[in-house]
Amino acid sequence: MSETLVRISSAGAVRTIRLNRPEALNSFTSQMHADLMAALEDAAADPSVRCVVLGGEGRAFCAGQDLSDPMAAPELSPDKPPKDLGHLINSLYVPLVARVRSMPVPVIAVVHGVAAGAGANLALCCDMVVAGRSGSFIQAFSKIGLVPDTGGTWLLPRLVGHARAMGLAMLGDKLPAEEAERIGLIWKCVDDAELASTVESLAARLAAMPLRALVATRQALAEAQQLDLPAALALEARLQTTLGAAQDYREGVEAFRAKRAPRFTER
């Protein structure tokens, strides 16, 4: 794996993955996609990892797709067929979204500076987004004649409702992190000086929780958006059957009865 495009570090049970093209505001190239996917796969396979933090080096989280990358750069010659951006999406972004949304541990996006286009929606694919006040979110697709991708069309109306989703997607205006928190697009906005410590504390807290229950919660909340109430109730029952047979449930109940802190170990 290239050590220059993705930086990886660990602190206890928390794995931090940082995009590392700071000179290009961490915009995506094909190689950075490959490096990020490899880092996520490694974290998913490592039983010692209980939470993943996704961030960016330099002045930004991620400015989206690098439009100079060979897979995305428009053909300037009329004699050549246009680039198939659908192939770019299907081969790189669809697997990335699927991997983030299926991680066996919670994933936190930590955003400073700009999160634009695919970068914004990659952050929103994570389980929680914590941003510094310098952070901003931009659905930049309309500015270059495209529609939101990287899950944006699915995520935005579910997070902020149809009217706000339409405004964000069509206008492509910069949304400050503080406003993003106010309208429910992200979990939390904090002062830049507190961003690192806030994420560190949140990641440690999640890593100590029952991971199977957290992952099942992600699944249930996503699936319930497309179910009627009886089907959602049935899904809850199926998940509780599985979780109720697990060691973490027994540990949680025993800790509650003994008035001690639980020690969750399953993954």
C-alpha atoms as a PDB file:
ATOM      1  CA  MET A   1       0.000   0.000   0.000  1.00  0.00           C
ATOM      2  CA  SER A   2       1.242   3.491  -0.795  1.00  0.00           C
ATOM      3  CA  GLU A   3       2.218   5.237   2.409  1.00  0.00           C
ATOM      4  CA  THR A   4       1.836   8.666   0.837  1.00  0.00           C
ATOM      5  CA  LEU A   5      -1.853   8.675  -0.138  1.00  0.00           C
ATOM      6  CA  VAL A   6      -3.340   7.163   3.042  1.00  0.00           C
ATOM      7  CA  ARG A   7      -1.842   7.438   6.501  1.00  0.00           C
ATOM      8  CA  ILE A   8      -2.769   4.862   9.119  1.00  0.00           C
ATOM      9  CA  SER A   9      -2.274   4.962  12.870  1.00  0.00           C
ATOM     10  CA  SER A  10      -3.687   3.102  15.852  1.00  0.00           C
ATOM     11  CA  ALA A  11      -4.303   4.043  19.467  1.00  0.00           C
ATOM     12  CA  GLY A  12      -5.643   1.170  21.500  1.00  0.00           C
ATOM     13  CA  ALA A  13      -8.728  -0.203  19.745  1.00  0.00           C
ATOM     14  CA  VAL A  14      -9.141   2.861  17.489  1.00  0.00           C
ATOM     15  CA  ARG A  15      -7.751   2.811  13.931  1.00  0.00           C
ATOM     16  CA  THR A  16      -7.320   6.235  12.283  1.00  0.00           C
ATOM     17  CA  ILE A  17      -7.167   6.465   8.491  1.00  0.00           C
ATOM     18  CA  ARG A  18      -6.266   9.826   6.975  1.00  0.00           C
ATOM     19  CA  LEU A  19      -6.406  10.766   3.304  1.00  0.00           C
ATOM     20  CA  ASN A  20      -3.062  12.235   2.390  1.00  0.00           C
ATOM     21  CA  ARG A  21      -3.020  14.404  -0.720  1.00  0.00           C
ATOM     22  CA  PRO A  22      -2.962  17.720   1.160  1.00  0.00           C
ATOM     23  CA  GLU A  23      -1.639  19.675  -1.816  1.00  0.00           C
ATOM     24  CA  ALA A  24      -4.836  18.712  -3.692  1.00  0.00           C
ATOM     25  CA  LEU A  25      -7.161  18.995  -0.666  1.00  0.00           C
ATOM     26  CA  ASN A  26      -7.222  15.187  -0.538  1.00  0.00           C
ATOM     27  CA  SER A  27      -9.173  14.914  -3.786  1.00  0.00           C
ATOM     28  CA  PHE A  28      -9.635  11.356  -5.006  1.00  0.00           C
ATOM     29  CA  THR A  29      -7.450   9.629  -7.551  1.00  0.00           C
ATOM     30  CA  SER A  30      -7.695   6.007  -8.578  1.00  0.00           C
ATOM     31  CA  GLN A  31      -4.628   5.195  -6.476  1.00  0.00           C
ATOM     32  CA  MET A  32      -6.010   6.907  -3.389  1.00  0.00           C
ATOM     33  CA  HIS A  33      -9.212   4.884  -3.802  1.00  0.00           C
ATOM     34  CA  ALA A  34      -7.146   1.706  -3.865  1.00  0.00           C
ATOM     35  CA  ASP A  35      -5.142   2.709  -0.805  1.00  0.00           C
ATOM     36  CA  LEU A  36      -8.239   3.736   1.155  1.00  0.00           C
ATOM     37  CA  MET A  37     -10.064   0.511   0.315  1.00  0.00           C
ATOM     38  CA  ALA A  38      -7.052  -1.532   1.390  1.00  0.00           C
ATOM     39  CA  ALA A  39      -6.879   0.377   4.682  1.00  0.00           C
ATOM     40  CA  LEU A  40     -10.589  -0.158   5.336  1.00  0.00           C
ATOM     41  CA  GLU A  41     -10.380  -3.850   4.484  1.00  0.00           C
ATOM     42  CA  ASP A  42      -7.428  -4.249   6.832  1.00  0.00           C
ATOM     43  CA  ALA A  43      -9.306  -2.508   9.658  1.00  0.00           C
ATOM     44  CA  ALA A  44     -12.372  -4.653   9.027  1.00  0.00           C
ATOM     45  CA  ALA A  45     -10.311  -7.835   9.212  1.00  0.00           C
ATOM     46  CA  ASP A  46      -8.314  -6.877  12.320  1.00  0.00           C
ATOM     47  CA  PRO A  47     -10.070  -8.169  15.470  1.00  0.00           C
ATOM     48  CA  SER A  48      -8.201  -5.636  17.619  1.00  0.00           C
ATOM     49  CA  VAL A  49      -9.894  -2.695  15.837  1.00  0.00           C
ATOM     50  CA  ARG A  50     -13.152  -1.601  17.455  1.00  0.00           C
ATOM     51  CA  CYS A  51     -13.637   1.837  15.901  1.00  0.00           C
ATOM     52  CA  VAL A  52     -12.383   3.580  12.754  1.00  0.00           C
ATOM     53  CA  VAL A  53     -11.802   7.323  12.414  1.00  0.00           C
ATOM     54  CA  LEU A  54     -11.646   8.693   8.874  1.00  0.00           C
ATOM     55  CA  GLY A  55     -10.020  12.096   8.322  1.00  0.00           C
ATOM     56  CA  GLY A  56      -7.811  14.098   6.021  1.00  0.00           C
ATOM     57  CA  GLU A  57      -4.346  15.622   6.210  1.00  0.00           C
ATOM     58  CA  GLY A  58      -3.642  19.295   5.622  1.00  0.00           C
ATOM     59  CA  ARG A  59      -6.292  21.980   5.198  1.00  0.00           C
ATOM     60  CA  ALA A  60      -9.284  19.847   4.231  1.00  0.00           C
ATOM     61  CA  PHE A  61     -11.139  16.596   4.688  1.00  0.00           C
ATOM     62  CA  CYS A  62     -11.641  15.840   0.987  1.00  0.00           C
ATOM     63  CA  ALA A  63     -12.465  18.019  -2.019  1.00  0.00           C
ATOM     64  CA  GLY A  64     -14.073  15.140  -3.925  1.00  0.00           C
ATOM     65  CA  GLN A  65     -12.943  13.619  -7.198  1.00  0.00           C
ATOM     66  CA  ASP A  66      -9.735  14.921  -8.749  1.00  0.00           C
ATOM     67  CA  LEU A  67     -11.017  15.952 -12.180  1.00  0.00           C
ATOM     68  CA  SER A  68      -7.545  15.627 -13.663  1.00  0.00           C
ATOM     69  CA  ASP A  69      -7.420  11.914 -12.869  1.00  0.00           C
ATOM     70  CA  PRO A  70      -7.426   9.894 -16.124  1.00  0.00           C
ATOM     71  CA  MET A  71     -10.696   8.158 -15.204  1.00  0.00           C
ATOM     72  CA  ALA A  72     -12.518  11.486 -14.729  1.00  0.00           C
ATOM     73  CA  ALA A  73     -10.858  14.060 -16.986  1.00  0.00           C
ATOM     74  CA  PRO A  74     -13.143  14.947 -19.932  1.00  0.00           C
ATOM     75  CA  GLU A  75     -11.884  14.113 -23.402  1.00  0.00           C
ATOM     76  CA  LEU A  76     -11.022  17.363 -25.174  1.00  0.00           C
ATOM     77  CA  SER A  77     -10.812  15.830 -28.622  1.00  0.00           C
ATOM     78  CA  PRO A  78     -14.157  15.399 -30.443  1.00  0.00           C
ATOM     79  CA  ASP A  79     -12.686  12.329 -32.115  1.00  0.00           C
ATOM     80  CA  LYS A  80     -12.524  10.419 -28.834  1.00  0.00           C
ATOM     81  CA  PRO A  81     -15.529   8.973 -26.992  1.00  0.00           C
ATOM     82  CA  PRO A  82     -16.437  10.730 -23.722  1.00  0.00           C
ATOM     83  CA  LYS A  83     -15.283   9.263 -20.428  1.00  0.00           C
ATOM     84  CA  ASP A  84     -17.794   6.900 -18.874  1.00  0.00           C
ATOM     85  CA  LEU A  85     -18.297   8.439 -15.456  1.00  0.00           C
ATOM     86  CA  GLY A  86     -20.750   5.671 -14.613  1.00  0.00           C
ATOM     87  CA  HIS A  87     -17.856   3.231 -14.888  1.00  0.00           C
ATOM     88  CA  LEU A  88     -15.848   5.425 -12.503  1.00  0.00           C
ATOM     89  CA  ILE A  89     -18.721   5.402 -10.014  1.00  0.00           C
ATOM     90  CA  ASN A  90     -19.378   1.683 -10.298  1.00  0.00           C
ATOM     91  CA  SER A  91     -15.751   0.619 -10.097  1.00  0.00           C
ATOM     92  CA  LEU A  92     -14.531   2.955  -7.330  1.00  0.00           C
ATOM     93  CA  TYR A  93     -17.228   4.804  -5.420  1.00  0.00           C
ATOM     94  CA  VAL A  94     -19.876   2.085  -5.171  1.00  0.00           C
ATOM     95  CA  PRO A  95     -17.436  -0.363  -3.521  1.00  0.00           C
ATOM     96  CA  LEU A  96     -16.167   2.401  -1.231  1.00  0.00           C
ATOM     97  CA  VAL A  97     -19.652   3.307  -0.005  1.00  0.00           C
ATOM     98  CA  ALA A  98     -20.542  -0.363   0.423  1.00  0.00           C
ATOM     99  CA  ARG A  99     -17.390  -0.983   2.463  1.00  0.00           C
ATOM    100  CA  VAL A 100     -17.928   2.016   4.757  1.00  0.00           C
ATOM    101  CA  ARG A 101     -21.598   1.157   5.308  1.00  0.00           C
ATOM    102  CA  SER A 102     -20.795  -2.489   6.086  1.00  0.00           C
ATOM    103  CA  MET A 103     -17.824  -2.041   8.412  1.00  0.00           C
ATOM    104  CA  PRO A 104     -18.042  -4.365  11.425  1.00  0.00           C
ATOM    105  CA  VAL A 105     -17.174  -1.425  13.699  1.00  0.00           C
ATOM    106  CA  PRO A 106     -18.430   2.166  14.016  1.00  0.00           C
ATOM    107  CA  VAL A 107     -16.897   4.692  11.626  1.00  0.00           C
ATOM    108  CA  ILE A 108     -16.462   8.360  12.561  1.00  0.00           C
ATOM    109  CA  ALA A 109     -15.695  11.047   9.988  1.00  0.00           C
ATOM    110  CA  VAL A 110     -13.669  13.944  11.390  1.00  0.00           C
ATOM    111  CA  VAL A 111     -14.024  16.977   9.124  1.00  0.00           C
ATOM    112  CA  HIS A 112     -11.958  20.115   9.062  1.00  0.00           C
ATOM    113  CA  GLY A 113     -11.847  22.484   6.136  1.00  0.00           C
ATOM    114  CA  VAL A 114     -13.859  21.562   3.073  1.00  0.00           C
ATOM    115  CA  ALA A 115     -15.731  18.335   2.419  1.00  0.00           C
ATOM    116  CA  ALA A 116     -16.982  18.724  -1.136  1.00  0.00           C
ATOM    117  CA  GLY A 117     -18.691  16.513  -3.689  1.00  0.00           C
ATOM    118  CA  ALA A 118     -17.784  12.884  -3.152  1.00  0.00           C
ATOM    119  CA  GLY A 119     -15.780  13.975  -0.108  1.00  0.00           C
ATOM    120  CA  ALA A 120     -18.883  15.412   1.554  1.00  0.00           C
ATOM    121  CA  ASN A 121     -20.935  12.315   0.860  1.00  0.00           C
ATOM    122  CA  LEU A 122     -18.160   9.967   1.952  1.00  0.00           C
ATOM    123  CA  ALA A 123     -18.237  11.728   5.317  1.00  0.00           C
ATOM    124  CA  LEU A 124     -22.031  11.445   5.461  1.00  0.00           C
ATOM    125  CA  CYS A 125     -21.790   7.700   4.766  1.00  0.00           C
ATOM    126  CA  CYS A 126     -19.992   7.286   8.079  1.00  0.00           C
ATOM    127  CA  ASP A 127     -21.916   6.496  11.238  1.00  0.00           C
ATOM    128  CA  MET A 128     -21.129   9.841  12.843  1.00  0.00           C
ATOM    129  CA  VAL A 129     -19.629  13.085  11.537  1.00  0.00           C
ATOM    130  CA  VAL A 130     -17.821  15.471  13.876  1.00  0.00           C
ATOM    131  CA  ALA A 131     -16.646  18.720  12.295  1.00  0.00           C
ATOM    132  CA  GLY A 132     -14.638  21.711  13.392  1.00  0.00           C
ATOM    133  CA  ARG A 133     -16.136  25.161  12.931  1.00  0.00           C
ATOM    134  CA  SER A 134     -13.765  25.666  10.011  1.00  0.00           C
ATOM    135  CA  GLY A 135     -15.457  22.757   8.270  1.00  0.00           C
ATOM    136  CA  SER A 136     -17.942  23.073   5.429  1.00  0.00           C
ATOM    137  CA  PHE A 137     -19.957  20.752   3.204  1.00  0.00           C
ATOM    138  CA  ILE A 138     -20.572  21.393  -0.474  1.00  0.00           C
ATOM    139  CA  GLN A 139     -22.679  19.355  -2.898  1.00  0.00           C
ATOM    140  CA  ALA A 140     -20.550  20.633  -5.753  1.00  0.00           C
ATOM    141  CA  PHE A 141     -21.897  18.338  -8.474  1.00  0.00           C
ATOM    142  CA  SER A 142     -24.322  20.768 -10.133  1.00  0.00           C
ATOM    143  CA  LYS A 143     -21.466  23.212 -10.691  1.00  0.00           C
ATOM    144  CA  ILE A 144     -19.943  20.809 -13.229  1.00  0.00           C
ATOM    145  CA  GLY A 145     -23.165  19.434 -14.690  1.00  0.00           C
ATOM    146  CA  LEU A 146     -23.512  16.289 -12.604  1.00  0.00           C
ATOM    147  CA  VAL A 147     -25.821  14.841  -9.929  1.00  0.00           C
ATOM    148  CA  PRO A 148     -24.799  13.962  -6.361  1.00  0.00           C
ATOM    149  CA  ASP A 149     -23.084  10.596  -6.138  1.00  0.00           C
ATOM    150  CA  THR A 150     -21.295   8.543  -3.468  1.00  0.00           C
ATOM    151  CA  GLY A 151     -24.718   7.959  -1.947  1.00  0.00           C
ATOM    152  CA  GLY A 152     -25.693  11.630  -1.879  1.00  0.00           C
ATOM    153  CA  THR A 153     -29.116  11.190  -3.484  1.00  0.00           C
ATOM    154  CA  TRP A 154     -29.989   8.548  -0.886  1.00  0.00           C
ATOM    155  CA  LEU A 155     -28.407  10.237   2.126  1.00  0.00           C
ATOM    156  CA  LEU A 156     -29.423  13.877   1.789  1.00  0.00           C
ATOM    157  CA  PRO A 157     -33.234  13.594   1.906  1.00  0.00           C
ATOM    158  CA  ARG A 158     -33.023  11.081   4.734  1.00  0.00           C
ATOM    159  CA  LEU A 159     -30.782  13.354   6.784  1.00  0.00           C
ATOM    160  CA  VAL A 160     -32.327  16.784   6.171  1.00  0.00           C
ATOM    161  CA  GLY A 161     -35.605  16.226   4.293  1.00  0.00           C
ATOM    162  CA  HIS A 162     -36.583  16.725   0.662  1.00  0.00           C
ATOM    163  CA  ALA A 163     -36.682  20.526   0.569  1.00  0.00           C
ATOM    164  CA  ARG A 164     -33.236  21.052   2.096  1.00  0.00           C
ATOM    165  CA  ALA A 165     -31.786  18.194   0.058  1.00  0.00           C
ATOM    166  CA  MET A 166     -33.006  19.829  -3.146  1.00  0.00           C
ATOM    167  CA  GLY A 167     -31.534  23.180  -2.165  1.00  0.00           C
ATOM    168  CA  LEU A 168     -28.166  21.713  -1.198  1.00  0.00           C
ATOM    169  CA  ALA A 169     -27.948  19.539  -4.317  1.00  0.00           C
ATOM    170  CA  MET A 170     -29.201  22.044  -6.892  1.00  0.00           C
ATOM    171  CA  LEU A 171     -27.471  25.193  -5.650  1.00  0.00           C
ATOM    172  CA  GLY A 172     -24.220  23.626  -4.490  1.00  0.00           C
ATOM    173  CA  ASP A 173     -23.711  26.328  -1.873  1.00  0.00           C
ATOM    174  CA  LYS A 174     -21.154  25.994   0.908  1.00  0.00           C
ATOM    175  CA  LEU A 175     -22.819  24.832   4.124  1.00  0.00           C
ATOM    176  CA  PRO A 176     -20.849  25.782   7.261  1.00  0.00           C
ATOM    177  CA  ALA A 177     -20.367  22.988   9.778  1.00  0.00           C
ATOM    178  CA  GLU A 178     -22.319  24.831  12.457  1.00  0.00           C
ATOM    179  CA  GLU A 179     -25.343  25.053  10.146  1.00  0.00           C
ATOM    180  CA  ALA A 180     -24.860  21.425   9.118  1.00  0.00           C
ATOM    181  CA  GLU A 181     -25.248  20.426  12.759  1.00  0.00           C
ATOM    182  CA  ARG A 182     -28.278  22.670  13.225  1.00  0.00           C
ATOM    183  CA  ILE A 183     -30.202  21.066  10.362  1.00  0.00           C
ATOM    184  CA  GLY A 184     -29.219  17.528  11.341  1.00  0.00           C
ATOM    185  CA  LEU A 185     -26.797  16.793   8.499  1.00  0.00           C
ATOM    186  CA  ILE A 186     -23.981  15.918  10.913  1.00  0.00           C
ATOM    187  CA  TRP A 187     -23.723  14.753  14.504  1.00  0.00           C
ATOM    188  CA  LYS A 188     -21.685  17.556  16.041  1.00  0.00           C
ATOM    189  CA  CYS A 189     -19.777  20.768  15.338  1.00  0.00           C
ATOM    190  CA  VAL A 190     -17.093  21.848  17.811  1.00  0.00           C
ATOM    191  CA  ASP A 191     -14.400  24.480  18.007  1.00  0.00           C
ATOM    192  CA  ASP A 192     -11.375  23.560  15.901  1.00  0.00           C
ATOM    193  CA  ALA A 193      -9.191  23.449  18.997  1.00  0.00           C
ATOM    194  CA  GLU A 194     -11.486  20.794  20.498  1.00  0.00           C
ATOM    195  CA  LEU A 195     -11.929  18.669  17.369  1.00  0.00           C
ATOM    196  CA  ALA A 196      -9.154  16.148  17.979  1.00  0.00           C
ATOM    197  CA  SER A 197      -9.976  15.587  21.653  1.00  0.00           C
ATOM    198  CA  THR A 198     -13.721  15.338  20.945  1.00  0.00           C
ATOM    199  CA  VAL A 199     -13.198  12.660  18.297  1.00  0.00           C
ATOM    200  CA  GLU A 200     -10.683  10.816  20.455  1.00  0.00           C
ATOM    201  CA  SER A 201     -13.173  10.670  23.325  1.00  0.00           C
ATOM    202  CA  LEU A 202     -16.067   9.635  21.069  1.00  0.00           C
ATOM    203  CA  ALA A 203     -14.016   6.912  19.362  1.00  0.00           C
ATOM    204  CA  ALA A 204     -12.887   5.486  22.706  1.00  0.00           C
ATOM    205  CA  ARG A 205     -16.469   5.480  23.949  1.00  0.00           C
ATOM    206  CA  LEU A 206     -17.754   3.646  20.870  1.00  0.00           C
ATOM    207  CA  ALA A 207     -14.875   1.168  20.964  1.00  0.00           C
ATOM    208  CA  ALA A 208     -15.904   0.150  24.484  1.00  0.00           C
ATOM    209  CA  MET A 209     -19.524  -0.498  23.496  1.00  0.00           C
ATOM    210  CA  PRO A 210     -21.112  -3.737  22.180  1.00  0.00           C
ATOM    211  CA  LEU A 211     -20.081  -3.586  18.517  1.00  0.00           C
ATOM    212  CA  ARG A 212     -22.580  -6.099  17.183  1.00  0.00           C
ATOM    213  CA  ALA A 213     -25.396  -4.020  18.623  1.00  0.00           C
ATOM    214  CA  LEU A 214     -23.982  -0.825  17.109  1.00  0.00           C
ATOM    215  CA  VAL A 215     -23.639  -2.390  13.664  1.00  0.00           C
ATOM    216  CA  ALA A 216     -27.138  -3.864  13.914  1.00  0.00           C
ATOM    217  CA  THR A 217     -28.434  -0.424  14.876  1.00  0.00           C
ATOM    218  CA  ARG A 218     -26.892   1.011  11.690  1.00  0.00           C
ATOM    219  CA  GLN A 219     -28.585  -1.740   9.688  1.00  0.00           C
ATOM    220  CA  ALA A 220     -31.968  -1.319  11.354  1.00  0.00           C
ATOM    221  CA  LEU A 221     -32.102   2.457  10.961  1.00  0.00           C
ATOM    222  CA  ALA A 222     -31.168   2.234   7.280  1.00  0.00           C
ATOM    223  CA  GLU A 223     -33.591  -0.566   6.422  1.00  0.00           C
ATOM    224  CA  ALA A 224     -36.478   0.843   8.457  1.00  0.00           C
ATOM    225  CA  GLN A 225     -36.584   3.920   6.198  1.00  0.00           C
ATOM    226  CA  GLN A 226     -37.991   1.686   3.478  1.00  0.00           C
ATOM    227  CA  LEU A 227     -40.312  -0.426   5.643  1.00  0.00           C
ATOM    228  CA  ASP A 228     -43.780   0.063   7.051  1.00  0.00           C
ATOM    229  CA  LEU A 229     -44.192  -0.166  10.827  1.00  0.00           C
ATOM    230  CA  PRO A 230     -45.092  -3.891  10.996  1.00  0.00           C
ATOM    231  CA  ALA A 231     -42.055  -4.770   8.868  1.00  0.00           C
ATOM    232  CA  ALA A 232     -39.812  -2.552  10.993  1.00  0.00           C
ATOM    233  CA  LEU A 233     -41.113  -4.231  14.147  1.00  0.00           C
ATOM    234  CA  ALA A 234     -40.391  -7.631  12.604  1.00  0.00           C
ATOM    235  CA  LEU A 235     -36.859  -6.531  11.735  1.00  0.00           C
ATOM    236  CA  GLU A 236     -36.304  -5.380  15.319  1.00  0.00           C
ATOM    237  CA  ALA A 237     -37.490  -8.753  16.597  1.00  0.00           C
ATOM    238  CA  ARG A 238     -35.112 -10.647  14.295  1.00  0.00           C
ATOM    239  CA  LEU A 239     -32.169  -8.530  15.343  1.00  0.00           C
ATOM    240  CA  GLN A 240     -33.014  -8.865  19.034  1.00  0.00           C
ATOM    241  CA  THR A 241     -33.166 -12.649  18.635  1.00  0.00           C
ATOM    242  CA  THR A 242     -29.621 -12.641  17.290  1.00  0.00           C
ATOM    243  CA  LEU A 243     -28.217 -10.098  19.750  1.00  0.00           C
ATOM    244  CA  GLY A 244     -29.993 -11.658  22.710  1.00  0.00           C
ATOM    245  CA  ALA A 245     -28.097 -14.904  22.145  1.00  0.00           C
ATOM    246  CA  ALA A 246     -24.719 -13.150  22.203  1.00  0.00           C
ATOM    247  CA  GLN A 247     -22.219 -12.906  25.030  1.00  0.00           C
ATOM    248  CA  ASP A 248     -22.326  -9.103  25.026  1.00  0.00           C
ATOM    249  CA  TYR A 249     -26.006  -9.152  26.007  1.00  0.00           C
ATOM    250  CA  ARG A 250     -25.291 -11.442  28.937  1.00  0.00           C
ATOM    251  CA  GLU A 251     -22.329  -9.279  29.959  1.00  0.00           C
ATOM    252  CA  GLY A 252     -24.405  -6.111  29.727  1.00  0.00           C
ATOM    253  CA  VAL A 253     -27.169  -7.508  31.908  1.00  0.00           C
ATOM    254  CA  GLU A 254     -24.734  -8.940  34.464  1.00  0.00           C
ATOM    255  CA  ALA A 255     -22.875  -5.625  34.660  1.00  0.00           C
ATOM    256  CA  PHE A 256     -26.139  -3.750  35.109  1.00  0.00           C
ATOM    257  CA  ARG A 257     -27.206  -6.041  37.938  1.00  0.00           C
ATOM    258  CA  ALA A 258     -23.783  -5.848  39.600  1.00  0.00           C
ATOM    259  CA  LYS A 259     -23.664  -2.062  39.154  1.00  0.00           C
ATOM    260  CA  ARG A 260     -20.276  -2.251  37.430  1.00  0.00           C
ATOM    261  CA  ALA A 261     -18.927  -1.142  34.074  1.00  0.00           C
ATOM    262  CA  PRO A 262     -19.503  -3.762  31.357  1.00  0.00           C
ATOM    263  CA  ARG A 263     -16.610  -5.334  29.449  1.00  0.00           C
ATOM    264  CA  PHE A 264     -17.800  -5.960  25.927  1.00  0.00           C
ATOM    265  CA  THR A 265     -15.542  -8.162  23.811  1.00  0.00           C
ATOM    266  CA  GLU A 266     -17.484  -9.415  20.792  1.00  0.00           C
ATOM    267  CA  ARG A 267     -17.013  -8.033  17.301  1.00  0.00           C
END
